Amino acid sequence: MTLYSLLNILVLGMLLLIGVFDLREHRIPNLCVFILLVLAVSLKLDGMYRDNSVSLWWDFFSGCLFFAFGLVLFLMGAMAPGDVKLLGVVGFFLGWNEALNGAFYLSVAMLIIGVFYYFYFRAQTCHPSVLSMVKDYFSHAEISVLSVGVLLRQCNRVRLGQSDKNIINRMPFAPVVVLGVTLFQYYS
């Protein structure tokens, strides 16, 4: 096993650890992001030692670009500060040459996890009596787009006694990054 392979495994392992932290605690420890940055720099330095085609300045610029994009999303309220830092380090890890491919795989991962998280959130916030009504309805009726829309509106109205303003849906972003980088590593 080469040093390059070992560093790649360590980077993916650290990303997995960060993803688990974000899922469990809805926060990303700065120490984990710093260790990930050290591993990414070590990986880039090993790449420079093996072949001189790797430029740290362009990779740093790629990290700054990803960080700036995350900062804009943070200022809009769509992302947490730990996610912004993680996105910057991932941008550096991907490098300038692969930034567009990495962004594509991060978008695919965000779409996949976002759809599943949306349905999970809907199942958690729907009142149990509405779920039993849906089960009874579909056992005795034909399924149509209109009937599903009517049932979703009824499910929205009956929400565990909470108003719509009190329900906040926050999707952890680190698992998206883990899946996106894994897809990038596998398909690139």
C-alpha atoms as a PDB file:
ATOM      1  CA  MET A   1       0.000   0.000   0.000  1.00  0.00           C
ATOM      2  CA  THR A   2       1.442   3.349  -1.025  1.00  0.00           C
ATOM      3  CA  LEU A   3       1.398   6.515   1.038  1.00  0.00           C
ATOM      4  CA  TYR A   4      -1.037   8.057  -1.450  1.00  0.00           C
ATOM      5  CA  SER A   5      -3.553   5.219  -0.941  1.00  0.00           C
ATOM      6  CA  LEU A   6      -3.171   5.364   2.827  1.00  0.00           C
ATOM      7  CA  LEU A   7      -3.762   9.117   2.879  1.00  0.00           C
ATOM      8  CA  ASN A   8      -6.859   8.734   0.697  1.00  0.00           C
ATOM      9  CA  ILE A   9      -8.251   6.117   3.087  1.00  0.00           C
ATOM     10  CA  LEU A  10      -7.517   8.387   6.061  1.00  0.00           C
ATOM     11  CA  VAL A  11      -9.241  11.338   4.361  1.00  0.00           C
ATOM     12  CA  LEU A  12     -12.342   9.267   3.633  1.00  0.00           C
ATOM     13  CA  GLY A  13     -12.284   7.881   7.194  1.00  0.00           C
ATOM     14  CA  MET A  14     -12.098  11.398   8.642  1.00  0.00           C
ATOM     15  CA  LEU A  15     -14.941  12.495   6.375  1.00  0.00           C
ATOM     16  CA  LEU A  16     -16.984   9.550   7.631  1.00  0.00           C
ATOM     17  CA  LEU A  17     -16.261  10.538  11.243  1.00  0.00           C
ATOM     18  CA  ILE A  18     -17.293  14.126  10.514  1.00  0.00           C
ATOM     19  CA  GLY A  19     -20.485  12.858   8.856  1.00  0.00           C
ATOM     20  CA  VAL A  20     -21.388  10.791  11.910  1.00  0.00           C
ATOM     21  CA  PHE A  21     -20.717  13.770  14.212  1.00  0.00           C
ATOM     22  CA  ASP A  22     -22.975  15.959  12.095  1.00  0.00           C
ATOM     23  CA  LEU A  23     -25.739  13.358  12.034  1.00  0.00           C
ATOM     24  CA  ARG A  24     -25.677  12.750  15.778  1.00  0.00           C
ATOM     25  CA  GLU A  25     -24.950  16.191  17.202  1.00  0.00           C
ATOM     26  CA  HIS A  26     -25.720  18.628  14.340  1.00  0.00           C
ATOM     27  CA  ARG A  27     -22.251  20.135  14.671  1.00  0.00           C
ATOM     28  CA  ILE A  28     -18.834  19.565  13.143  1.00  0.00           C
ATOM     29  CA  PRO A  29     -15.844  19.760  15.517  1.00  0.00           C
ATOM     30  CA  ASN A  30     -13.114  22.165  14.398  1.00  0.00           C
ATOM     31  CA  LEU A  31     -10.449  19.633  15.361  1.00  0.00           C
ATOM     32  CA  CYS A  32     -11.812  17.105  12.872  1.00  0.00           C
ATOM     33  CA  VAL A  33     -11.870  19.715  10.101  1.00  0.00           C
ATOM     34  CA  PHE A  34      -8.288  20.700  10.967  1.00  0.00           C
ATOM     35  CA  ILE A  35      -7.134  17.060  10.873  1.00  0.00           C
ATOM     36  CA  LEU A  36      -8.888  16.686   7.516  1.00  0.00           C
ATOM     37  CA  LEU A  37      -7.032  19.773   6.261  1.00  0.00           C
ATOM     38  CA  VAL A  38      -3.679  18.364   7.436  1.00  0.00           C
ATOM     39  CA  LEU A  39      -4.435  15.066   5.687  1.00  0.00           C
ATOM     40  CA  ALA A  40      -5.442  16.885   2.484  1.00  0.00           C
ATOM     41  CA  VAL A  41      -2.246  18.980   2.524  1.00  0.00           C
ATOM     42  CA  SER A  42      -0.205  15.811   3.119  1.00  0.00           C
ATOM     43  CA  LEU A  43      -1.960  14.171   0.187  1.00  0.00           C
ATOM     44  CA  LYS A  44      -1.228  17.153  -2.059  1.00  0.00           C
ATOM     45  CA  LEU A  45       2.425  17.263  -0.953  1.00  0.00           C
ATOM     46  CA  ASP A  46       2.757  13.559  -1.706  1.00  0.00           C
ATOM     47  CA  GLY A  47       1.287  14.234  -5.138  1.00  0.00           C
ATOM     48  CA  MET A  48       3.816  17.024  -5.693  1.00  0.00           C
ATOM     49  CA  TYR A  49       6.643  14.687  -4.690  1.00  0.00           C
ATOM     50  CA  ARG A  50       5.484  11.953  -7.076  1.00  0.00           C
ATOM     51  CA  ASP A  51       4.840  14.239 -10.058  1.00  0.00           C
ATOM     52  CA  ASN A  52       5.321  17.959 -10.367  1.00  0.00           C
ATOM     53  CA  SER A  53       1.925  18.567 -11.967  1.00  0.00           C
ATOM     54  CA  VAL A  54       0.157  19.393  -8.690  1.00  0.00           C
ATOM     55  CA  SER A  55       0.045  23.067  -7.748  1.00  0.00           C
ATOM     56  CA  LEU A  56      -0.904  23.963  -4.186  1.00  0.00           C
ATOM     57  CA  TRP A  57      -1.850  27.504  -5.196  1.00  0.00           C
ATOM     58  CA  TRP A  58      -4.595  26.362  -7.570  1.00  0.00           C
ATOM     59  CA  ASP A  59      -5.839  23.854  -5.013  1.00  0.00           C
ATOM     60  CA  PHE A  60      -5.865  26.617  -2.391  1.00  0.00           C
ATOM     61  CA  PHE A  61      -7.843  28.793  -4.820  1.00  0.00           C
ATOM     62  CA  SER A  62     -10.315  25.938  -5.318  1.00  0.00           C
ATOM     63  CA  GLY A  63     -10.732  25.659  -1.534  1.00  0.00           C
ATOM     64  CA  CYS A  64     -11.321  29.412  -1.307  1.00  0.00           C
ATOM     65  CA  LEU A  65     -13.919  29.193  -4.073  1.00  0.00           C
ATOM     66  CA  PHE A  66     -15.800  26.395  -2.308  1.00  0.00           C
ATOM     67  CA  PHE A  67     -15.495  28.310   0.992  1.00  0.00           C
ATOM     68  CA  ALA A  68     -16.889  31.486  -0.614  1.00  0.00           C
ATOM     69  CA  PHE A  69     -19.835  29.554  -2.048  1.00  0.00           C
ATOM     70  CA  GLY A  70     -20.507  28.045   1.382  1.00  0.00           C
ATOM     71  CA  LEU A  71     -20.194  31.485   2.996  1.00  0.00           C
ATOM     72  CA  VAL A  72     -22.851  32.870   0.670  1.00  0.00           C
ATOM     73  CA  LEU A  73     -25.127  29.972   1.620  1.00  0.00           C
ATOM     74  CA  PHE A  74     -24.352  30.620   5.308  1.00  0.00           C
ATOM     75  CA  LEU A  75     -25.261  34.303   4.960  1.00  0.00           C
ATOM     76  CA  MET A  76     -28.538  33.256   3.341  1.00  0.00           C
ATOM     77  CA  GLY A  77     -29.213  30.966   6.325  1.00  0.00           C
ATOM     78  CA  ALA A  78     -28.986  27.734   4.355  1.00  0.00           C
ATOM     79  CA  MET A  79     -25.790  26.363   5.890  1.00  0.00           C
ATOM     80  CA  ALA A  80     -24.069  26.188   9.280  1.00  0.00           C
ATOM     81  CA  PRO A  81     -20.554  27.577   9.932  1.00  0.00           C
ATOM     82  CA  GLY A  82     -19.010  24.101  10.334  1.00  0.00           C
ATOM     83  CA  ASP A  83     -20.378  23.122   6.940  1.00  0.00           C
ATOM     84  CA  VAL A  84     -18.739  26.188   5.374  1.00  0.00           C
ATOM     85  CA  LYS A  85     -15.327  25.228   6.783  1.00  0.00           C
ATOM     86  CA  LEU A  86     -15.797  21.626   5.689  1.00  0.00           C
ATOM     87  CA  LEU A  87     -16.737  22.734   2.194  1.00  0.00           C
ATOM     88  CA  GLY A  88     -13.543  24.829   1.972  1.00  0.00           C
ATOM     89  CA  VAL A  89     -11.355  21.887   2.989  1.00  0.00           C
ATOM     90  CA  VAL A  90     -13.156  19.592   0.539  1.00  0.00           C
ATOM     91  CA  GLY A  91     -12.586  22.170  -2.205  1.00  0.00           C
ATOM     92  CA  PHE A  92      -8.867  22.103  -1.408  1.00  0.00           C
ATOM     93  CA  PHE A  93      -8.887  18.291  -1.339  1.00  0.00           C
ATOM     94  CA  LEU A  94     -10.606  18.067  -4.729  1.00  0.00           C
ATOM     95  CA  GLY A  95      -8.236  20.575  -6.291  1.00  0.00           C
ATOM     96  CA  TRP A  96      -8.693  23.021  -9.113  1.00  0.00           C
ATOM     97  CA  ASN A  97      -8.610  20.430 -11.903  1.00  0.00           C
ATOM     98  CA  GLU A  98     -11.399  18.347 -10.357  1.00  0.00           C
ATOM     99  CA  ALA A  99     -13.488  21.079  -8.712  1.00  0.00           C
ATOM    100  CA  LEU A 100     -16.232  20.964 -11.331  1.00  0.00           C
ATOM    101  CA  ASN A 101     -16.505  17.166 -11.192  1.00  0.00           C
ATOM    102  CA  GLY A 102     -16.507  17.293  -7.397  1.00  0.00           C
ATOM    103  CA  ALA A 103     -19.232  19.949  -7.387  1.00  0.00           C
ATOM    104  CA  PHE A 104     -21.304  17.754  -9.698  1.00  0.00           C
ATOM    105  CA  TYR A 105     -21.007  14.724  -7.395  1.00  0.00           C
ATOM    106  CA  LEU A 106     -21.751  16.879  -4.344  1.00  0.00           C
ATOM    107  CA  SER A 107     -24.904  18.103  -6.106  1.00  0.00           C
ATOM    108  CA  VAL A 108     -25.964  14.553  -6.932  1.00  0.00           C
ATOM    109  CA  ALA A 109     -25.377  13.502  -3.325  1.00  0.00           C
ATOM    110  CA  MET A 110     -27.325  16.520  -2.073  1.00  0.00           C
ATOM    111  CA  LEU A 111     -30.252  15.615  -4.297  1.00  0.00           C
ATOM    112  CA  ILE A 112     -30.265  11.965  -3.205  1.00  0.00           C
ATOM    113  CA  ILE A 113     -29.930  12.632   0.527  1.00  0.00           C
ATOM    114  CA  GLY A 114     -32.237  15.654   0.342  1.00  0.00           C
ATOM    115  CA  VAL A 115     -35.087  13.637  -1.141  1.00  0.00           C
ATOM    116  CA  PHE A 116     -34.706  10.879   1.452  1.00  0.00           C
ATOM    117  CA  TYR A 117     -34.391  13.389   4.300  1.00  0.00           C
ATOM    118  CA  TYR A 118     -37.501  15.214   3.064  1.00  0.00           C
ATOM    119  CA  PHE A 119     -39.569  12.041   3.152  1.00  0.00           C
ATOM    120  CA  TYR A 120     -38.115  11.120   6.546  1.00  0.00           C
ATOM    121  CA  PHE A 121     -39.038  14.561   7.889  1.00  0.00           C
ATOM    122  CA  ARG A 122     -42.553  14.285   6.469  1.00  0.00           C
ATOM    123  CA  ALA A 123     -43.026  10.887   8.089  1.00  0.00           C
ATOM    124  CA  GLN A 124     -41.833  12.233  11.457  1.00  0.00           C
ATOM    125  CA  THR A 125     -44.099  15.292  11.454  1.00  0.00           C
ATOM    126  CA  CYS A 126     -47.270  13.643  10.212  1.00  0.00           C
ATOM    127  CA  HIS A 127     -49.841  12.789  12.881  1.00  0.00           C
ATOM    128  CA  PRO A 128     -50.368   9.017  13.438  1.00  0.00           C
ATOM    129  CA  SER A 129     -54.116   9.264  12.784  1.00  0.00           C
ATOM    130  CA  VAL A 130     -53.411  10.791   9.393  1.00  0.00           C
ATOM    131  CA  LEU A 131     -50.985   7.949   8.607  1.00  0.00           C
ATOM    132  CA  SER A 132     -53.641   5.372   9.454  1.00  0.00           C
ATOM    133  CA  MET A 133     -56.119   7.321   7.309  1.00  0.00           C
ATOM    134  CA  VAL A 134     -53.644   7.214   4.415  1.00  0.00           C
ATOM    135  CA  LYS A 135     -53.215   3.464   4.867  1.00  0.00           C
ATOM    136  CA  ASP A 136     -56.975   2.910   4.879  1.00  0.00           C
ATOM    137  CA  TYR A 137     -57.453   5.189   1.907  1.00  0.00           C
ATOM    138  CA  PHE A 138     -54.895   3.430  -0.268  1.00  0.00           C
ATOM    139  CA  SER A 139     -56.167   0.002   0.660  1.00  0.00           C
ATOM    140  CA  HIS A 140     -59.638   0.879  -0.718  1.00  0.00           C
ATOM    141  CA  ALA A 141     -58.987   3.355  -3.537  1.00  0.00           C
ATOM    142  CA  GLU A 142     -57.050   3.800  -6.713  1.00  0.00           C
ATOM    143  CA  ILE A 143     -53.881   5.816  -6.443  1.00  0.00           C
ATOM    144  CA  SER A 144     -53.852   9.010  -8.449  1.00  0.00           C
ATOM    145  CA  VAL A 145     -51.698  12.113  -8.350  1.00  0.00           C
ATOM    146  CA  LEU A 146     -54.653  14.215  -7.230  1.00  0.00           C
ATOM    147  CA  SER A 147     -55.522  11.889  -4.325  1.00  0.00           C
ATOM    148  CA  VAL A 148     -51.912  11.811  -3.133  1.00  0.00           C
ATOM    149  CA  GLY A 149     -51.834  15.620  -3.223  1.00  0.00           C
ATOM    150  CA  VAL A 150     -55.042  15.826  -1.146  1.00  0.00           C
ATOM    151  CA  LEU A 151     -53.617  13.424   1.439  1.00  0.00           C
ATOM    152  CA  LEU A 152     -50.334  15.352   1.655  1.00  0.00           C
ATOM    153  CA  ARG A 153     -52.259  18.566   2.318  1.00  0.00           C
ATOM    154  CA  GLN A 154     -54.224  16.812   5.086  1.00  0.00           C
ATOM    155  CA  CYS A 155     -50.983  15.516   6.541  1.00  0.00           C
ATOM    156  CA  ASN A 156     -49.609  19.071   6.523  1.00  0.00           C
ATOM    157  CA  ARG A 157     -52.599  20.407   8.450  1.00  0.00           C
ATOM    158  CA  VAL A 158     -52.437  17.864  11.277  1.00  0.00           C
ATOM    159  CA  ARG A 159     -48.989  18.194  12.816  1.00  0.00           C
ATOM    160  CA  LEU A 160     -48.555  16.938  16.361  1.00  0.00           C
ATOM    161  CA  GLY A 161     -50.159  20.097  17.751  1.00  0.00           C
ATOM    162  CA  GLN A 162     -47.399  22.409  16.454  1.00  0.00           C
ATOM    163  CA  SER A 163     -47.727  25.377  14.160  1.00  0.00           C
ATOM    164  CA  ASP A 164     -45.830  25.440  10.881  1.00  0.00           C
ATOM    165  CA  LYS A 165     -43.520  28.180  12.184  1.00  0.00           C
ATOM    166  CA  ASN A 166     -42.210  25.963  14.998  1.00  0.00           C
ATOM    167  CA  ILE A 167     -41.191  23.101  12.727  1.00  0.00           C
ATOM    168  CA  ILE A 168     -37.667  23.544  11.402  1.00  0.00           C
ATOM    169  CA  ASN A 169     -36.235  21.039   8.973  1.00  0.00           C
ATOM    170  CA  ARG A 170     -32.433  21.008   9.144  1.00  0.00           C
ATOM    171  CA  MET A 171     -30.587  18.516   7.018  1.00  0.00           C
ATOM    172  CA  PRO A 172     -27.017  17.757   8.111  1.00  0.00           C
ATOM    173  CA  PHE A 173     -24.619  18.615   5.292  1.00  0.00           C
ATOM    174  CA  ALA A 174     -21.578  16.495   6.218  1.00  0.00           C
ATOM    175  CA  PRO A 175     -23.203  13.189   5.094  1.00  0.00           C
ATOM    176  CA  VAL A 176     -23.807  14.858   1.729  1.00  0.00           C
ATOM    177  CA  VAL A 177     -20.099  15.701   1.539  1.00  0.00           C
ATOM    178  CA  VAL A 178     -19.136  12.145   2.510  1.00  0.00           C
ATOM    179  CA  LEU A 179     -21.356  10.658  -0.192  1.00  0.00           C
ATOM    180  CA  GLY A 180     -20.279  13.248  -2.776  1.00  0.00           C
ATOM    181  CA  VAL A 181     -16.548  12.736  -2.198  1.00  0.00           C
ATOM    182  CA  THR A 182     -17.031   8.961  -2.176  1.00  0.00           C
ATOM    183  CA  LEU A 183     -18.900   9.133  -5.495  1.00  0.00           C
ATOM    184  CA  PHE A 184     -16.157  11.383  -6.855  1.00  0.00           C
ATOM    185  CA  GLN A 185     -13.406   8.987  -5.741  1.00  0.00           C
ATOM    186  CA  TYR A 186     -15.244   5.988  -7.165  1.00  0.00           C
ATOM    187  CA  TYR A 187     -16.256   7.403 -10.538  1.00  0.00           C
ATOM    188  CA  SER A 188     -13.232   9.610 -11.281  1.00  0.00           C
END
